[in-house]
C-alpha atoms as a PDB file:
ATOM      1  CA  MET A   1    -216.570 -71.861 118.110  1.00  0.00           C
ATOM      2  CA  ALA A   2    -218.450 -74.726 116.445  1.00  0.00           C
ATOM      3  CA  GLU A   3    -216.781 -76.923 113.883  1.00  0.00           C
ATOM      4  CA  LEU A   4    -218.197 -77.749 110.489  1.00  0.00           C
ATOM      5  CA  ASN A   5    -216.383 -80.293 108.319  1.00  0.00           C
ATOM      6  CA  GLY A   6    -213.218 -79.762 110.312  1.00  0.00           C
ATOM      7  CA  GLN A   7    -213.351 -75.976 109.911  1.00  0.00           C
ATOM      8  CA  HIS A   8    -214.452 -73.379 112.397  1.00  0.00           C
ATOM      9  CA  ALA A   9    -217.944 -71.991 111.767  1.00  0.00           C
ATOM     10  CA  PRO A  10    -218.812 -68.528 113.092  1.00  0.00           C
ATOM     11  CA  ASN A  11    -221.347 -68.261 115.898  1.00  0.00           C
ATOM     12  CA  GLY A  12    -224.084 -65.651 115.580  1.00  0.00           C
ATOM     13  CA  PRO A  13    -224.556 -63.052 112.871  1.00  0.00           C
ATOM     14  CA  GLN A  14    -221.738 -62.176 110.521  1.00  0.00           C
ATOM     15  CA  PRO A  15    -220.164 -58.719 110.598  1.00  0.00           C
ATOM     16  CA  PRO A  16    -221.404 -56.213 107.969  1.00  0.00           C
ATOM     17  CA  GLU A  17    -218.152 -56.611 106.035  1.00  0.00           C
ATOM     18  CA  ALA A  18    -218.972 -60.292 105.433  1.00  0.00           C
ATOM     19  CA  ALA A  19    -222.352 -59.382 103.951  1.00  0.00           C
ATOM     20  CA  LEU A  20    -220.682 -56.885 101.612  1.00  0.00           C
ATOM     21  CA  VAL A  21    -218.133 -59.438 100.453  1.00  0.00           C
ATOM     22  CA  ARG A  22    -220.890 -62.013  99.910  1.00  0.00           C
ATOM     23  CA  SER A  23    -222.924 -59.545  97.802  1.00  0.00           C
ATOM     24  CA  TYR A  24    -219.805 -58.681  95.808  1.00  0.00           C
ATOM     25  CA  ILE A  25    -219.174 -62.358  95.099  1.00  0.00           C
ATOM     26  CA  MET A  26    -222.801 -63.105  94.134  1.00  0.00           C
ATOM     27  CA  SER A  27    -222.815 -60.275  91.576  1.00  0.00           C
ATOM     28  CA  SER A  28    -219.266 -61.058  90.344  1.00  0.00           C
ATOM     29  CA  GLY A  29    -218.245 -57.596  91.478  1.00  0.00           C
ATOM     30  CA  ARG A  30    -220.731 -55.861  89.179  1.00  0.00           C
ATOM     31  CA  ALA A  31    -223.052 -53.092  90.323  1.00  0.00           C
ATOM     32  CA  THR A  32    -225.294 -53.270  87.262  1.00  0.00           C
ATOM     33  CA  GLY A  33    -226.364 -55.945  84.855  1.00  0.00           C
ATOM     34  CA  SER A  34    -226.390 -55.756  81.076  1.00  0.00           C
ATOM     35  CA  VAL A  35    -230.197 -55.530  81.111  1.00  0.00           C
ATOM     36  CA  PRO A  36    -231.432 -52.508  83.075  1.00  0.00           C
ATOM     37  CA  LEU A  37    -234.110 -53.483  85.597  1.00  0.00           C
ATOM     38  CA  ASP A  38    -236.267 -51.191  87.742  1.00  0.00           C
ATOM     39  CA  ILE A  39    -237.496 -52.291  91.161  1.00  0.00           C
ATOM     40  CA  GLU A  40    -240.967 -52.702  89.675  1.00  0.00           C
ATOM     41  CA  SER A  41    -239.738 -54.770  86.704  1.00  0.00           C
ATOM     42  CA  MET A  42    -241.714 -57.993  86.629  1.00  0.00           C
ATOM     43  CA  LEU A  43    -239.846 -61.252  86.075  1.00  0.00           C
ATOM     44  CA  GLN A  44    -241.126 -64.588  84.830  1.00  0.00           C
ATOM     45  CA  LEU A  45    -239.381 -67.876  84.106  1.00  0.00           C
ATOM     46  CA  THR A  46    -239.288 -68.795  80.405  1.00  0.00           C
ATOM     47  CA  PHE A  47    -239.805 -72.220  78.879  1.00  0.00           C
ATOM     48  CA  LYS A  48    -236.017 -72.498  78.503  1.00  0.00           C
ATOM     49  CA  GLY A  49    -235.677 -71.534  82.166  1.00  0.00           C
ATOM     50  CA  THR A  50    -238.117 -74.232  83.225  1.00  0.00           C
ATOM     51  CA  ARG A  51    -236.183 -76.843  81.261  1.00  0.00           C
ATOM     52  CA  GLY A  52    -232.816 -75.670  82.621  1.00  0.00           C
ATOM     53  CA  LEU A  53    -233.871 -75.082  86.223  1.00  0.00           C
ATOM     54  CA  ALA A  54    -232.073 -78.184  87.509  1.00  0.00           C
ATOM     55  CA  ARG A  55    -228.732 -76.865  86.196  1.00  0.00           C
ATOM     56  CA  LEU A  56    -228.929 -73.583  88.114  1.00  0.00           C
ATOM     57  CA  GLN A  57    -227.273 -73.145  91.493  1.00  0.00           C
ATOM     58  CA  PHE A  58    -227.356 -70.839  94.475  1.00  0.00           C
ATOM     59  CA  GLU A  59    -229.101 -67.475  94.053  1.00  0.00           C
ATOM     60  CA  ARG A  60    -229.718 -68.034  90.336  1.00  0.00           C
ATOM     61  CA  ALA A  61    -231.715 -71.164  91.198  1.00  0.00           C
ATOM     62  CA  SER A  62    -233.601 -69.393  94.004  1.00  0.00           C
ATOM     63  CA  ILE A  63    -234.663 -66.538  91.720  1.00  0.00           C
ATOM     64  CA  ALA A  64    -235.687 -68.927  88.931  1.00  0.00           C
ATOM     65  CA  ARG A  65    -237.725 -71.144  91.292  1.00  0.00           C
ATOM     66  CA  LEU A  66    -239.632 -68.171  92.699  1.00  0.00           C
ATOM     67  CA  CYS A  67    -240.339 -66.811  89.201  1.00  0.00           C
ATOM     68  CA  LYS A  68    -241.559 -70.214  88.044  1.00  0.00           C
ATOM     69  CA  ASP A  69    -244.669 -70.192  90.201  1.00  0.00           C
ATOM     70  CA  GLU A  70    -245.553 -66.507  89.970  1.00  0.00           C
ATOM     71  CA  ILE A  71    -244.526 -63.311  88.265  1.00  0.00           C
ATOM     72  CA  LEU A  72    -242.502 -61.262  90.743  1.00  0.00           C
ATOM     73  CA  SER A  73    -240.950 -57.821  90.806  1.00  0.00           C
ATOM     74  CA  VAL A  74    -237.288 -57.178  91.522  1.00  0.00           C
ATOM     75  CA  ALA A  75    -238.340 -55.655  94.868  1.00  0.00           C
ATOM     76  CA  GLU A  76    -240.357 -58.748  95.817  1.00  0.00           C
ATOM     77  CA  LEU A  77    -237.459 -61.061  94.990  1.00  0.00           C
ATOM     78  CA  SER A  78    -235.127 -58.902  97.060  1.00  0.00           C
ATOM     79  CA  ALA A  79    -237.446 -59.114 100.051  1.00  0.00           C
ATOM     80  CA  ARG A  80    -238.159 -62.830  99.771  1.00  0.00           C
ATOM     81  CA  LEU A  81    -234.526 -63.818  99.319  1.00  0.00           C
ATOM     82  CA  HIS A  82    -233.174 -61.255 101.795  1.00  0.00           C
ATOM     83  CA  LEU A  83    -230.712 -59.983  99.200  1.00  0.00           C
ATOM     84  CA  PRO A  84    -229.902 -56.403  98.170  1.00  0.00           C
ATOM     85  CA  ILE A  85    -231.850 -55.098  95.165  1.00  0.00           C
ATOM     86  CA  GLY A  86    -228.576 -54.500  93.314  1.00  0.00           C
ATOM     87  CA  VAL A  87    -227.634 -58.158  93.611  1.00  0.00           C
ATOM     88  CA  ILE A  88    -231.066 -59.249  92.365  1.00  0.00           C
ATOM     89  CA  ARG A  89    -230.775 -56.852  89.411  1.00  0.00           C
ATOM     90  CA  VAL A  90    -227.387 -58.278  88.369  1.00  0.00           C
ATOM     91  CA  ILE A  91    -228.339 -61.936  88.744  1.00  0.00           C
ATOM     92  CA  ALA A  92    -231.754 -61.470  87.090  1.00  0.00           C
ATOM     93  CA  SER A  93    -230.075 -59.595  84.244  1.00  0.00           C
ATOM     94  CA  ASP A  94    -227.745 -62.555  83.696  1.00  0.00           C
ATOM     95  CA  LEU A  95    -230.728 -64.924  83.693  1.00  0.00           C
ATOM     96  CA  ILE A  96    -232.472 -62.744  81.094  1.00  0.00           C
ATOM     97  CA  VAL A  97    -229.381 -62.720  78.851  1.00  0.00           C
ATOM     98  CA  ASP A  98    -229.200 -66.516  79.181  1.00  0.00           C
ATOM     99  CA  GLY A  99    -232.878 -66.800  78.173  1.00  0.00           C
ATOM    100  CA  PHE A 100    -234.029 -68.174  81.534  1.00  0.00           C
ATOM    101  CA  LEU A 101    -236.119 -65.144  82.558  1.00  0.00           C
ATOM    102  CA  GLU A 102    -238.127 -62.540  80.752  1.00  0.00           C
ATOM    103  CA  ALA A 103    -238.804 -59.096  82.166  1.00  0.00           C
ATOM    104  CA  TYR A 104    -241.377 -56.461  81.517  1.00  0.00           C
ATOM    105  CA  LEU A 105    -242.682 -53.371  83.191  1.00  0.00           C
ATOM    106  CA  PRO A 106    -246.199 -53.446  84.584  1.00  0.00           C
ATOM    107  CA  SER A 107    -248.840 -51.835  82.413  1.00  0.00           C
ATOM    108  CA  PHE A 108    -249.513 -48.132  82.635  1.00  0.00           C
ATOM    109  CA  GLY A 109    -252.625 -48.998  84.673  1.00  0.00           C
ATOM    110  CA  MET A 110    -250.304 -49.955  87.521  1.00  0.00           C
ATOM    111  CA  ALA A 111    -251.714 -47.151  89.662  1.00  0.00           C
ATOM    112  CA  ASP A 112    -255.007 -49.045  89.621  1.00  0.00           C
ATOM    113  CA  ASP A 113    -253.450 -52.391  90.529  1.00  0.00           C
ATOM    114  CA  VAL A 114    -253.825 -52.299  94.306  1.00  0.00           C
ATOM    115  CA  ASP A 115    -252.514 -55.841  94.758  1.00  0.00           C
ATOM    116  CA  LEU A 116    -249.278 -55.082  92.893  1.00  0.00           C
ATOM    117  CA  ILE A 117    -248.747 -51.822  94.775  1.00  0.00           C
ATOM    118  CA  SER A 118    -249.357 -53.582  98.094  1.00  0.00           C
ATOM    119  CA  ARG A 119    -246.844 -56.307  97.218  1.00  0.00           C
ATOM    120  CA  LEU A 120    -244.254 -53.712  96.180  1.00  0.00           C
ATOM    121  CA  ILE A 121    -244.756 -51.827  99.464  1.00  0.00           C
ATOM    122  CA  GLU A 122    -244.393 -55.061 101.456  1.00  0.00           C
ATOM    123  CA  GLY A 123    -241.227 -55.896  99.513  1.00  0.00           C
ATOM    124  CA  VAL A 124    -239.664 -52.516 100.193  1.00  0.00           C
ATOM    125  CA  ARG A 125    -240.633 -52.671 103.882  1.00  0.00           C
ATOM    126  CA  ALA A 126    -238.982 -56.054 104.211  1.00  0.00           C
ATOM    127  CA  LEU A 127    -235.676 -54.578 103.080  1.00  0.00           C
END
């Protein structure tokens, strides 16, 4: 086993239990956030989020950085960050409550937005 800072580091992929524990920790043990988000909910960084981006850490920072450059759905964030949708929902909800993100549902003309539908399909496939 390799050593990292004097501690043993695991070789190869982690067991499924480790992934579950990691997800539990990232979402602070919560299955839902205070702001309900659908997989197609679109997220965008706010002005406050842009100013406070340097203070964010870990997954919160990753979500904020991705939403700074483009408006992304919950499903797209899940696929890009390789995190469960539930974890993205909880963390994004916290960022919305803190004023760092804003969320909205795509317009009712979503069925005509081929690019958005294609991106959602790609995001779901990547899960």
